[in-house]
Amino acid sequence: MRFDLRHSFELARTIFTDQRLLTVPDLEHGATEERWLSIGCASNGVMHSVVYLWSDADTAATKIRLISARKATQTEIGYHQEGV
């Protein structure tokens, strides 16, 4: 089976439409740049964790650069459900 990274990121970015999206700074890995971790439900109904960089330096558009995307762990799903 071939892993399609673009499809994975396309699916993962749909978490940003989750009304209960949980977003926190990634303090552990963001020493040199401002990184964020978001946990939310993707368009296929599966919970995902996404790490990304956020840039609003361009006033015309906010840019998000995805670093990693994967299915959320049970602990992360618990955080999302509790809104922690």
PDB file of N, CA and C in Angstrom:
ATOM      1  N   MET A   1       0.837  -1.179   0.000  1.00  0.00           N
ATOM      2  CA  MET A   1       0.000   0.000   0.000  1.00  0.00           C
ATOM      3  C   MET A   1       0.884   1.246   0.000  1.00  0.00           C
ATOM      4  N   ARG A   2       0.584   2.181  -0.856  1.00  0.00           N
ATOM      5  CA  ARG A   2       1.364   3.410  -0.974  1.00  0.00           C
ATOM      6  C   ARG A   2       0.731   4.502  -0.105  1.00  0.00           C
ATOM      7  N   PHE A   3       1.557   5.189   0.661  1.00  0.00           N
ATOM      8  CA  PHE A   3       1.096   6.277   1.518  1.00  0.00           C
ATOM      9  C   PHE A   3       1.080   7.566   0.722  1.00  0.00           C
ATOM     10  N   ASP A   4      -0.039   8.254   0.681  1.00  0.00           N
ATOM     11  CA  ASP A   4      -0.179   9.494  -0.070  1.00  0.00           C
ATOM     12  C   ASP A   4      -0.163  10.671   0.903  1.00  0.00           C
ATOM     13  N   LEU A   5       0.993  11.322   1.027  1.00  0.00           N
ATOM     14  CA  LEU A   5       1.165  12.418   1.970  1.00  0.00           C
ATOM     15  C   LEU A   5       0.249  13.591   1.652  1.00  0.00           C
ATOM     16  N   ARG A   6       0.106  13.924   0.380  1.00  0.00           N
ATOM     17  CA  ARG A   6      -0.742  15.057   0.016  1.00  0.00           C
ATOM     18  C   ARG A   6      -2.186  14.804   0.441  1.00  0.00           C
ATOM     19  N   HIS A   7      -2.684  13.580   0.207  1.00  0.00           N
ATOM     20  CA  HIS A   7      -4.048  13.246   0.626  1.00  0.00           C
ATOM     21  C   HIS A   7      -4.183  13.352   2.137  1.00  0.00           C
ATOM     22  N   SER A   8      -3.170  12.892   2.857  1.00  0.00           N
ATOM     23  CA  SER A   8      -3.187  12.950   4.309  1.00  0.00           C
ATOM     24  C   SER A   8      -3.274  14.392   4.793  1.00  0.00           C
ATOM     25  N   PHE A   9      -2.475  15.284   4.217  1.00  0.00           N
ATOM     26  CA  PHE A   9      -2.498  16.684   4.623  1.00  0.00           C
ATOM     27  C   PHE A   9      -3.793  17.373   4.189  1.00  0.00           C
ATOM     28  N   GLU A  10      -4.310  17.023   3.011  1.00  0.00           N
ATOM     29  CA  GLU A  10      -5.582  17.591   2.566  1.00  0.00           C
ATOM     30  C   GLU A  10      -6.698  17.224   3.535  1.00  0.00           C
ATOM     31  N   LEU A  11      -6.717  15.981   3.987  1.00  0.00           N
ATOM     32  CA  LEU A  11      -7.710  15.546   4.966  1.00  0.00           C
ATOM     33  C   LEU A  11      -7.476  16.230   6.305  1.00  0.00           C
ATOM     34  N   ALA A  12      -6.233  16.287   6.738  1.00  0.00           N
ATOM     35  CA  ALA A  12      -5.911  16.865   8.042  1.00  0.00           C
ATOM     36  C   ALA A  12      -6.301  18.332   8.117  1.00  0.00           C
ATOM     37  N   ARG A  13      -6.163  19.065   7.045  1.00  0.00           N
ATOM     38  CA  ARG A  13      -6.488  20.492   7.112  1.00  0.00           C
ATOM     39  C   ARG A  13      -7.972  20.752   7.304  1.00  0.00           C
ATOM     40  N   THR A  14      -8.801  19.734   7.092  1.00  0.00           N
ATOM     41  CA  THR A  14     -10.239  19.917   7.297  1.00  0.00           C
ATOM     42  C   THR A  14     -10.597  20.028   8.779  1.00  0.00           C
ATOM     43  N   ILE A  15      -9.642  19.722   9.680  1.00  0.00           N
ATOM     44  CA  ILE A  15      -9.947  19.869  11.110  1.00  0.00           C
ATOM     45  C   ILE A  15     -10.194  21.332  11.469  1.00  0.00           C
ATOM     46  N   PHE A  16      -9.686  22.263  10.669  1.00  0.00           N
ATOM     47  CA  PHE A  16      -9.827  23.682  10.989  1.00  0.00           C
ATOM     48  C   PHE A  16     -11.268  24.174  10.867  1.00  0.00           C
ATOM     49  N   THR A  17     -12.156  23.337  10.329  1.00  0.00           N
ATOM     50  CA  THR A  17     -13.580  23.685  10.286  1.00  0.00           C
ATOM     51  C   THR A  17     -14.346  23.101  11.477  1.00  0.00           C
ATOM     52  N   ASP A  18     -13.663  22.324  12.313  1.00  0.00           N
ATOM     53  CA  ASP A  18     -14.283  21.738  13.505  1.00  0.00           C
ATOM     54  C   ASP A  18     -14.606  22.857  14.497  1.00  0.00           C
ATOM     55  N   GLN A  19     -15.869  23.025  14.836  1.00  0.00           N
ATOM     56  CA  GLN A  19     -16.270  24.089  15.758  1.00  0.00           C
ATOM     57  C   GLN A  19     -15.720  23.888  17.161  1.00  0.00           C
ATOM     58  N   ARG A  20     -15.315  22.667  17.493  1.00  0.00           N
ATOM     59  CA  ARG A  20     -14.749  22.384  18.810  1.00  0.00           C
ATOM     60  C   ARG A  20     -13.228  22.213  18.750  1.00  0.00           C
ATOM     61  N   LEU A  21     -12.601  22.736  17.709  1.00  0.00           N
ATOM     62  CA  LEU A  21     -11.157  22.616  17.509  1.00  0.00           C
ATOM     63  C   LEU A  21     -10.407  23.068  18.760  1.00  0.00           C
ATOM     64  N   LEU A  22      -9.484  22.245  19.205  1.00  0.00           N
ATOM     65  CA  LEU A  22      -8.642  22.573  20.356  1.00  0.00           C
ATOM     66  C   LEU A  22      -7.256  22.939  19.831  1.00  0.00           C
ATOM     67  N   THR A  23      -6.777  24.137  20.163  1.00  0.00           N
ATOM     68  CA  THR A  23      -5.482  24.614  19.684  1.00  0.00           C
ATOM     69  C   THR A  23      -4.662  25.130  20.849  1.00  0.00           C
ATOM     70  N   VAL A  24      -3.411  24.652  20.924  1.00  0.00           N
ATOM     71  CA  VAL A  24      -2.488  25.084  21.978  1.00  0.00           C
ATOM     72  C   VAL A  24      -1.112  25.304  21.350  1.00  0.00           C
ATOM     73  N   PRO A  25      -0.298  26.188  21.959  1.00  0.00           N
ATOM     74  CA  PRO A  25       1.069  26.356  21.453  1.00  0.00           C
ATOM     75  C   PRO A  25       1.878  25.079  21.687  1.00  0.00           C
ATOM     76  N   ASP A  26       2.734  24.734  20.742  1.00  0.00           N
ATOM     77  CA  ASP A  26       3.616  23.569  20.873  1.00  0.00           C
ATOM     78  C   ASP A  26       4.909  24.041  21.524  1.00  0.00           C
ATOM     79  N   LEU A  27       4.868  24.198  22.831  1.00  0.00           N
ATOM     80  CA  LEU A  27       5.999  24.751  23.570  1.00  0.00           C
ATOM     81  C   LEU A  27       7.204  23.816  23.586  1.00  0.00           C
ATOM     82  N   GLU A  28       6.952  22.524  23.506  1.00  0.00           N
ATOM     83  CA  GLU A  28       8.040  21.544  23.546  1.00  0.00           C
ATOM     84  C   GLU A  28       8.937  21.630  22.317  1.00  0.00           C
ATOM     85  N   HIS A  29       8.342  21.922  21.157  1.00  0.00           N
ATOM     86  CA  HIS A  29       9.111  21.913  19.913  1.00  0.00           C
ATOM     87  C   HIS A  29       9.199  23.280  19.251  1.00  0.00           C
ATOM     88  N   GLY A  30       8.638  24.303  19.862  1.00  0.00           N
ATOM     89  CA  GLY A  30       8.582  25.603  19.209  1.00  0.00           C
ATOM     90  C   GLY A  30       9.580  26.615  19.722  1.00  0.00           C
ATOM     91  N   ALA A  31      10.780  26.177  20.073  1.00  0.00           N
ATOM     92  CA  ALA A  31      11.779  27.093  20.633  1.00  0.00           C
ATOM     93  C   ALA A  31      12.255  28.124  19.614  1.00  0.00           C
ATOM     94  N   THR A  32      12.401  27.734  18.357  1.00  0.00           N
ATOM     95  CA  THR A  32      12.946  28.651  17.356  1.00  0.00           C
ATOM     96  C   THR A  32      11.876  29.266  16.459  1.00  0.00           C
ATOM     97  N   GLU A  33      10.675  28.712  16.480  1.00  0.00           N
ATOM     98  CA  GLU A  33       9.580  29.248  15.679  1.00  0.00           C
ATOM     99  C   GLU A  33       8.263  28.967  16.386  1.00  0.00           C
ATOM    100  N   GLU A  34       7.259  29.761  16.095  1.00  0.00           N
ATOM    101  CA  GLU A  34       5.970  29.637  16.770  1.00  0.00           C
ATOM    102  C   GLU A  34       5.168  28.484  16.159  1.00  0.00           C
ATOM    103  N   ARG A  35       5.152  27.357  16.878  1.00  0.00           N
ATOM    104  CA  ARG A  35       4.444  26.170  16.404  1.00  0.00           C
ATOM    105  C   ARG A  35       3.180  25.980  17.216  1.00  0.00           C
ATOM    106  N   TRP A  36       2.179  25.390  16.569  1.00  0.00           N
ATOM    107  CA  TRP A  36       0.884  25.144  17.190  1.00  0.00           C
ATOM    108  C   TRP A  36       0.474  23.694  17.000  1.00  0.00           C
ATOM    109  N   LEU A  37      -0.292  23.184  17.954  1.00  0.00           N
ATOM    110  CA  LEU A  37      -0.873  21.845  17.883  1.00  0.00           C
ATOM    111  C   LEU A  37      -2.380  22.010  17.947  1.00  0.00           C
ATOM    112  N   SER A  38      -3.073  21.454  16.975  1.00  0.00           N
ATOM    113  CA  SER A  38      -4.533  21.477  16.977  1.00  0.00           C
ATOM    114  C   SER A  38      -5.055  20.053  16.902  1.00  0.00           C
ATOM    115  N   ILE A  39      -6.136  19.815  17.641  1.00  0.00           N
ATOM    116  CA  ILE A  39      -6.797  18.521  17.661  1.00  0.00           C
ATOM    117  C   ILE A  39      -8.242  18.763  17.260  1.00  0.00           C
ATOM    118  N   GLY A  40      -8.671  18.046  16.227  1.00  0.00           N
ATOM    119  CA  GLY A  40     -10.041  18.238  15.768  1.00  0.00           C
ATOM    120  C   GLY A  40     -10.508  17.094  14.900  1.00  0.00           C
ATOM    121  N   CYS A  41     -11.779  17.159  14.570  1.00  0.00           N
ATOM    122  CA  CYS A  41     -12.412  16.120  13.761  1.00  0.00           C
ATOM    123  C   CYS A  41     -12.279  16.497  12.290  1.00  0.00           C
ATOM    124  N   ALA A  42     -11.700  15.594  11.507  1.00  0.00           N
ATOM    125  CA  ALA A  42     -11.540  15.814  10.067  1.00  0.00           C
ATOM    126  C   ALA A  42     -12.861  15.537   9.356  1.00  0.00           C
ATOM    127  N   SER A  43     -12.918  15.866   8.092  1.00  0.00           N
ATOM    128  CA  SER A  43     -14.153  15.716   7.314  1.00  0.00           C
ATOM    129  C   SER A  43     -14.626  14.271   7.205  1.00  0.00           C
ATOM    130  N   ASN A  44     -13.731  13.307   7.445  1.00  0.00           N
ATOM    131  CA  ASN A  44     -14.123  11.896   7.389  1.00  0.00           C
ATOM    132  C   ASN A  44     -14.597  11.374   8.748  1.00  0.00           C
ATOM    133  N   GLY A  45     -14.662  12.266   9.766  1.00  0.00           N
ATOM    134  CA  GLY A  45     -15.141  11.871  11.088  1.00  0.00           C
ATOM    135  C   GLY A  45     -14.069  11.335  12.012  1.00  0.00           C
ATOM    136  N   VAL A  46     -12.819  11.283  11.564  1.00  0.00           N
ATOM    137  CA  VAL A  46     -11.715  10.765  12.363  1.00  0.00           C
ATOM    138  C   VAL A  46     -10.984  11.933  13.023  1.00  0.00           C
ATOM    139  N   MET A  47     -10.671  11.775  14.309  1.00  0.00           N
ATOM    140  CA  MET A  47      -9.940  12.815  15.037  1.00  0.00           C
ATOM    141  C   MET A  47      -8.480  12.817  14.600  1.00  0.00           C
ATOM    142  N   HIS A  48      -7.944  14.004  14.373  1.00  0.00           N
ATOM    143  CA  HIS A  48      -6.562  14.174  13.946  1.00  0.00           C
ATOM    144  C   HIS A  48      -5.841  15.182  14.828  1.00  0.00           C
ATOM    145  N   SER A  49      -4.529  15.024  14.917  1.00  0.00           N
ATOM    146  CA  SER A  49      -3.646  15.998  15.555  1.00  0.00           C
ATOM    147  C   SER A  49      -2.770  16.579  14.454  1.00  0.00           C
ATOM    148  N   VAL A  50      -2.693  17.913  14.434  1.00  0.00           N
ATOM    149  CA  VAL A  50      -1.940  18.593  13.392  1.00  0.00           C
ATOM    150  C   VAL A  50      -0.990  19.591  14.054  1.00  0.00           C
ATOM    151  N   VAL A  51       0.275  19.553  13.653  1.00  0.00           N
ATOM    152  CA  VAL A  51       1.269  20.520  14.104  1.00  0.00           C
ATOM    153  C   VAL A  51       1.579  21.415  12.914  1.00  0.00           C
ATOM    154  N   TYR A  52       1.623  22.731  13.168  1.00  0.00           N
ATOM    155  CA  TYR A  52       1.795  23.657  12.052  1.00  0.00           C
ATOM    156  C   TYR A  52       2.392  24.976  12.509  1.00  0.00           C
ATOM    157  N   LEU A  53       2.838  25.749  11.523  1.00  0.00           N
ATOM    158  CA  LEU A  53       3.296  27.116  11.729  1.00  0.00           C
ATOM    159  C   LEU A  53       2.208  28.036  11.199  1.00  0.00           C
ATOM    160  N   TRP A  54       1.989  29.131  11.895  1.00  0.00           N
ATOM    161  CA  TRP A  54       0.943  30.089  11.545  1.00  0.00           C
ATOM    162  C   TRP A  54       1.616  31.410  11.215  1.00  0.00           C
ATOM    163  N   SER A  55       1.304  31.990  10.070  1.00  0.00           N
ATOM    164  CA  SER A  55       1.896  33.272   9.707  1.00  0.00           C
ATOM    165  C   SER A  55       0.810  34.203   9.189  1.00  0.00           C
ATOM    166  N   ASP A  56       0.692  35.350   9.822  1.00  0.00           N
ATOM    167  CA  ASP A  56      -0.232  36.363   9.323  1.00  0.00           C
ATOM    168  C   ASP A  56       0.525  37.637   8.953  1.00  0.00           C
ATOM    169  N   ALA A  57       1.785  37.463   8.575  1.00  0.00           N
ATOM    170  CA  ALA A  57       2.620  38.599   8.170  1.00  0.00           C
ATOM    171  C   ALA A  57       2.072  39.246   6.900  1.00  0.00           C
ATOM    172  N   ASP A  58       1.490  38.442   6.027  1.00  0.00           N
ATOM    173  CA  ASP A  58       0.884  38.954   4.800  1.00  0.00           C
ATOM    174  C   ASP A  58      -0.547  39.377   5.136  1.00  0.00           C
ATOM    175  N   THR A  59      -0.838  40.661   5.017  1.00  0.00           N
ATOM    176  CA  THR A  59      -2.162  41.164   5.388  1.00  0.00           C
ATOM    177  C   THR A  59      -3.266  40.661   4.461  1.00  0.00           C
ATOM    178  N   ALA A  60      -2.904  40.182   3.282  1.00  0.00           N
ATOM    179  CA  ALA A  60      -3.894  39.696   2.332  1.00  0.00           C
ATOM    180  C   ALA A  60      -4.356  38.278   2.646  1.00  0.00           C
ATOM    181  N   ALA A  61      -3.509  37.488   3.326  1.00  0.00           N
ATOM    182  CA  ALA A  61      -3.868  36.098   3.589  1.00  0.00           C
ATOM    183  C   ALA A  61      -3.072  35.542   4.758  1.00  0.00           C
ATOM    184  N   THR A  62      -3.737  34.735   5.548  1.00  0.00           N
ATOM    185  CA  THR A  62      -3.054  34.005   6.614  1.00  0.00           C
ATOM    186  C   THR A  62      -2.532  32.714   6.021  1.00  0.00           C
ATOM    187  N   LYS A  63      -1.282  32.383   6.340  1.00  0.00           N
ATOM    188  CA  LYS A  63      -0.679  31.160   5.808  1.00  0.00           C
ATOM    189  C   LYS A  63      -0.448  30.177   6.936  1.00  0.00           C
ATOM    190  N   ILE A  64      -0.766  28.921   6.656  1.00  0.00           N
ATOM    191  CA  ILE A  64      -0.526  27.835   7.602  1.00  0.00           C
ATOM    192  C   ILE A  64       0.357  26.817   6.903  1.00  0.00           C
ATOM    193  N   ARG A  65       1.487  26.483   7.525  1.00  0.00           N
ATOM    194  CA  ARG A  65       2.374  25.458   6.978  1.00  0.00           C
ATOM    195  C   ARG A  65       2.279  24.224   7.860  1.00  0.00           C
ATOM    196  N   LEU A  66       1.726  23.143   7.321  1.00  0.00           N
ATOM    197  CA  LEU A  66       1.587  21.913   8.086  1.00  0.00           C
ATOM    198  C   LEU A  66       2.940  21.247   8.251  1.00  0.00           C
ATOM    199  N   ILE A  67       3.245  20.866   9.493  1.00  0.00           N
ATOM    200  CA  ILE A  67       4.494  20.169   9.801  1.00  0.00           C
ATOM    201  C   ILE A  67       4.224  18.667   9.873  1.00  0.00           C
ATOM    202  N   SER A  68       3.175  18.301  10.611  1.00  0.00           N
ATOM    203  CA  SER A  68       2.822  16.878  10.719  1.00  0.00           C
ATOM    204  C   SER A  68       1.326  16.742  10.930  1.00  0.00           C
ATOM    205  N   ALA A  69       0.813  15.604  10.532  1.00  0.00           N
ATOM    206  CA  ALA A  69      -0.600  15.289  10.687  1.00  0.00           C
ATOM    207  C   ALA A  69      -0.729  13.792  10.897  1.00  0.00           C
ATOM    208  N   ARG A  70      -1.548  13.423  11.870  1.00  0.00           N
ATOM    209  CA  ARG A  70      -1.753  12.002  12.165  1.00  0.00           C
ATOM    210  C   ARG A  70      -3.072  11.846  12.891  1.00  0.00           C
ATOM    211  N   LYS A  71      -3.510  10.594  13.022  1.00  0.00           N
ATOM    212  CA  LYS A  71      -4.693  10.320  13.824  1.00  0.00           C
ATOM    213  C   LYS A  71      -4.382  10.678  15.274  1.00  0.00           C
ATOM    214  N   ALA A  72      -5.354  11.259  15.952  1.00  0.00           N
ATOM    215  CA  ALA A  72      -5.172  11.652  17.347  1.00  0.00           C
ATOM    216  C   ALA A  72      -5.108  10.417  18.245  1.00  0.00           C
ATOM    217  N   THR A  73      -4.326  10.526  19.317  1.00  0.00           N
ATOM    218  CA  THR A  73      -4.262   9.454  20.314  1.00  0.00           C
ATOM    219  C   THR A  73      -5.509   9.527  21.194  1.00  0.00           C
ATOM    220  N   GLN A  74      -5.756   8.476  21.968  1.00  0.00           N
ATOM    221  CA  GLN A  74      -6.897   8.477  22.880  1.00  0.00           C
ATOM    222  C   GLN A  74      -6.796   9.618  23.892  1.00  0.00           C
ATOM    223  N   THR A  75      -5.589   9.903  24.359  1.00  0.00           N
ATOM    224  CA  THR A  75      -5.387  11.014  25.297  1.00  0.00           C
ATOM    225  C   THR A  75      -5.769  12.331  24.642  1.00  0.00           C
ATOM    226  N   GLU A  76      -5.327  12.556  23.403  1.00  0.00           N
ATOM    227  CA  GLU A  76      -5.648  13.791  22.691  1.00  0.00           C
ATOM    228  C   GLU A  76      -7.146  13.910  22.430  1.00  0.00           C
ATOM    229  N   ILE A  77      -7.787  12.797  22.099  1.00  0.00           N
ATOM    230  CA  ILE A  77      -9.240  12.814  21.895  1.00  0.00           C
ATOM    231  C   ILE A  77      -9.939  13.213  23.187  1.00  0.00           C
ATOM    232  N   GLY A  78      -9.433  12.718  24.309  1.00  0.00           N
ATOM    233  CA  GLY A  78      -9.987  13.101  25.620  1.00  0.00           C
ATOM    234  C   GLY A  78      -9.848  14.591  25.862  1.00  0.00           C
ATOM    235  N   TYR A  79      -8.691  15.163  25.545  1.00  0.00           N
ATOM    236  CA  TYR A  79      -8.476  16.613  25.691  1.00  0.00           C
ATOM    237  C   TYR A  79      -9.507  17.380  24.838  1.00  0.00           C
ATOM    238  N   HIS A  80      -9.703  16.919  23.613  1.00  0.00           N
ATOM    239  CA  HIS A  80     -10.641  17.582  22.697  1.00  0.00           C
ATOM    240  C   HIS A  80     -12.055  17.531  23.266  1.00  0.00           C
ATOM    241  N   GLN A  81     -12.454  16.371  23.763  1.00  0.00           N
ATOM    242  CA  GLN A  81     -13.806  16.219  24.292  1.00  0.00           C
ATOM    243  C   GLN A  81     -14.032  17.063  25.544  1.00  0.00           C
ATOM    244  N   GLU A  82     -12.962  17.219  26.349  1.00  0.00           N
ATOM    245  CA  GLU A  82     -13.068  18.009  27.572  1.00  0.00           C
ATOM    246  C   GLU A  82     -12.866  19.494  27.307  1.00  0.00           C
ATOM    247  N   GLY A  83     -12.330  19.833  26.118  1.00  0.00           N
ATOM    248  CA  GLY A  83     -12.050  21.237  25.810  1.00  0.00           C
ATOM    249  C   GLY A  83     -10.892  21.787  26.613  1.00  0.00           C
ATOM    250  N   VAL A  84      -9.974  20.902  26.988  1.00  0.00           N
ATOM    251  CA  VAL A  84      -8.815  21.306  27.805  1.00  0.00           C
ATOM    252  C   VAL A  84      -7.795  22.025  26.959  1.00  0.00           C
TER     253      VAL A  84
END
